[in-house]
Amino acid sequence: QVQLVESGGGLVQAGGSLTLSCAASGSIFRINDMGWYRQAPGKQRELVARITKGGTTNYADSAKGRCTISRDNAKNTVTLQMNSLKPEDTAVYYCYGKIFTTLTLSTDFWGQGTQVTVSS
């Protein structure tokens, strides 16, 4: 079994910063893309940022300039540094990983989600 476990959410004032971390564990052969998505009440889940195994990054327009995604391939972890947070960033943030459990079999795995609340 594979698990993604997030940490680092919480309550922060507008303009503040938070760092989200996610660790993948279990029967992992290799991990391709990892990333962070978020879902606000009444809205669909949306991309925040993704990073390939080689370190190529992709950010949502709302995250560009305010967020930095990074990963440690040796530790199977991905981190999202968020700065200049706004009330509209309030959402449940989910860690994502495209994980191969064998040489050829991959599955999209998700963490349980961590709440980020930004007060005005």
Protein backbone atom coordinates (compact mmCIF):
# COMPACT_ATOMS: atom_id res chain seq x y z
CA GLN A 1 0.00 0.00 0.00
CA VAL A 2 1.03 3.59 -0.62
CA GLN A 3 0.25 6.53 1.62
CA LEU A 4 0.69 10.27 1.21
CA VAL A 5 0.68 12.12 4.50
CA GLU A 6 0.46 15.91 4.59
CA SER A 7 1.41 18.31 7.34
CA GLY A 8 1.74 22.04 7.84
CA GLY A 9 -1.73 23.43 7.32
CA GLY A 10 -3.35 25.82 9.74
CA LEU A 11 -4.67 29.30 10.35
CA VAL A 12 -2.68 32.31 9.19
CA GLN A 13 -3.39 35.99 8.72
CA ALA A 14 -3.50 37.54 5.28
CA GLY A 15 -0.01 38.33 4.09
CA GLY A 16 1.49 35.50 6.10
CA SER A 17 3.26 32.33 5.03
CA LEU A 18 2.80 28.60 5.41
CA THR A 19 4.80 25.58 4.37
CA LEU A 20 3.02 22.36 3.48
CA SER A 21 4.89 19.08 3.46
CA CYS A 22 3.96 15.66 2.17
CA ALA A 23 5.71 12.33 2.55
CA ALA A 24 4.99 9.27 0.45
CA SER A 25 5.56 5.84 1.91
CA GLY A 26 4.79 2.20 1.20
CA SER A 27 5.41 -0.04 -1.79
CA ILE A 28 6.96 2.59 -4.06
CA PHE A 29 8.96 1.64 -7.12
CA ARG A 30 9.35 5.23 -8.28
CA ILE A 31 7.46 8.52 -8.23
CA ASN A 32 6.92 10.61 -11.33
CA ASP A 33 5.02 13.86 -10.85
CA MET A 34 4.17 15.16 -7.40
CA GLY A 35 2.10 18.19 -6.61
CA TRP A 36 -0.42 20.13 -4.62
CA TYR A 37 -4.06 20.74 -5.39
CA ARG A 38 -6.70 22.57 -3.40
CA GLN A 39 -10.45 22.56 -3.02
CA ALA A 40 -12.44 25.41 -1.55
CA PRO A 41 -16.04 24.93 -0.35
CA GLY A 42 -18.41 24.71 -3.29
CA LYS A 43 -15.60 24.62 -5.83
CA GLN A 44 -13.81 21.96 -7.83
CA ARG A 45 -10.38 20.72 -6.92
CA GLU A 46 -7.74 22.76 -8.73
CA LEU A 47 -4.03 22.65 -9.36
CA VAL A 48 -1.74 24.77 -7.23
CA ALA A 49 1.65 23.44 -8.36
CA ARG A 50 3.25 20.31 -9.75
CA ILE A 51 6.84 19.14 -10.09
CA THR A 52 8.34 16.38 -12.19
CA LYS A 53 10.94 13.90 -10.98
CA GLY A 54 13.52 15.96 -12.80
CA GLY A 55 12.44 19.17 -11.08
CA THR A 56 10.40 20.89 -13.78
CA THR A 57 7.66 22.91 -12.16
CA ASN A 58 4.19 24.06 -13.20
CA TYR A 59 2.18 26.63 -11.25
CA ALA A 60 -1.38 27.84 -11.41
CA ASP A 61 -1.58 31.52 -12.27
CA SER A 62 -2.84 32.22 -8.75
CA ALA A 63 0.31 30.63 -7.30
CA LYS A 64 2.95 32.16 -9.55
CA GLY A 65 5.24 34.49 -7.66
CA ARG A 66 3.83 33.50 -4.27
CA CYS A 67 4.42 29.75 -4.07
CA THR A 68 7.44 27.52 -4.48
CA ILE A 69 7.22 23.76 -4.88
CA SER A 70 10.18 21.49 -4.26
CA ARG A 71 10.82 17.80 -3.73
CA ASP A 72 13.37 15.43 -2.28
CA ASN A 73 13.48 12.34 -4.45
CA ALA A 74 15.58 10.41 -1.95
CA LYS A 75 13.01 10.96 0.79
CA ASN A 76 9.88 10.84 -1.41
CA THR A 77 8.73 14.20 -0.12
CA VAL A 78 7.24 17.30 -1.70
CA THR A 79 6.97 20.73 -0.11
CA LEU A 80 4.93 23.81 -0.94
CA GLN A 81 6.08 27.15 0.41
CA MET A 82 3.27 29.71 0.26
CA ASN A 83 3.86 33.42 0.83
CA SER A 84 1.68 36.52 0.77
CA LEU A 85 -1.37 34.41 1.52
CA LYS A 86 -4.82 35.80 0.76
CA PRO A 87 -8.25 34.90 2.16
CA GLU A 88 -9.10 33.37 -1.22
CA ASP A 89 -6.31 30.82 -0.65
CA THR A 90 -8.48 29.26 2.05
CA ALA A 91 -9.09 25.63 1.06
CA VAL A 92 -8.24 22.04 1.79
CA TYR A 93 -4.88 21.32 0.21
CA TYR A 94 -4.18 17.84 -1.16
CA CYS A 95 -0.85 16.25 -1.92
CA TYR A 96 -0.68 14.28 -5.16
CA GLY A 97 1.71 11.73 -6.52
CA LYS A 98 1.84 9.65 -9.70
CA ILE A 99 3.41 6.59 -8.18
CA PHE A 100 4.66 3.42 -9.77
CA THR A 101 4.27 0.42 -7.52
CA THR A 102 5.92 -1.83 -10.12
CA LEU A 103 8.04 -1.15 -13.20
CA THR A 104 4.94 -0.56 -15.34
CA LEU A 105 1.97 0.00 -13.01
CA SER A 106 1.24 3.58 -11.90
CA THR A 107 -1.62 5.03 -9.89
CA ASP A 108 -2.61 8.55 -8.94
CA PHE A 109 -2.44 8.76 -5.16
CA TRP A 110 -3.82 11.53 -2.95
CA GLY A 111 -3.25 12.58 0.61
CA GLN A 112 -6.08 13.05 3.07
CA GLY A 113 -5.92 16.83 2.80
CA THR A 114 -4.83 19.58 5.14
CA GLN A 115 -6.87 22.69 5.89
CA VAL A 116 -5.40 26.11 5.17
CA THR A 117 -7.39 29.07 6.46
CA VAL A 118 -6.34 32.64 5.76
CA SER A 119 -8.04 35.31 7.83
CA SER A 120 -8.47 38.87 6.61
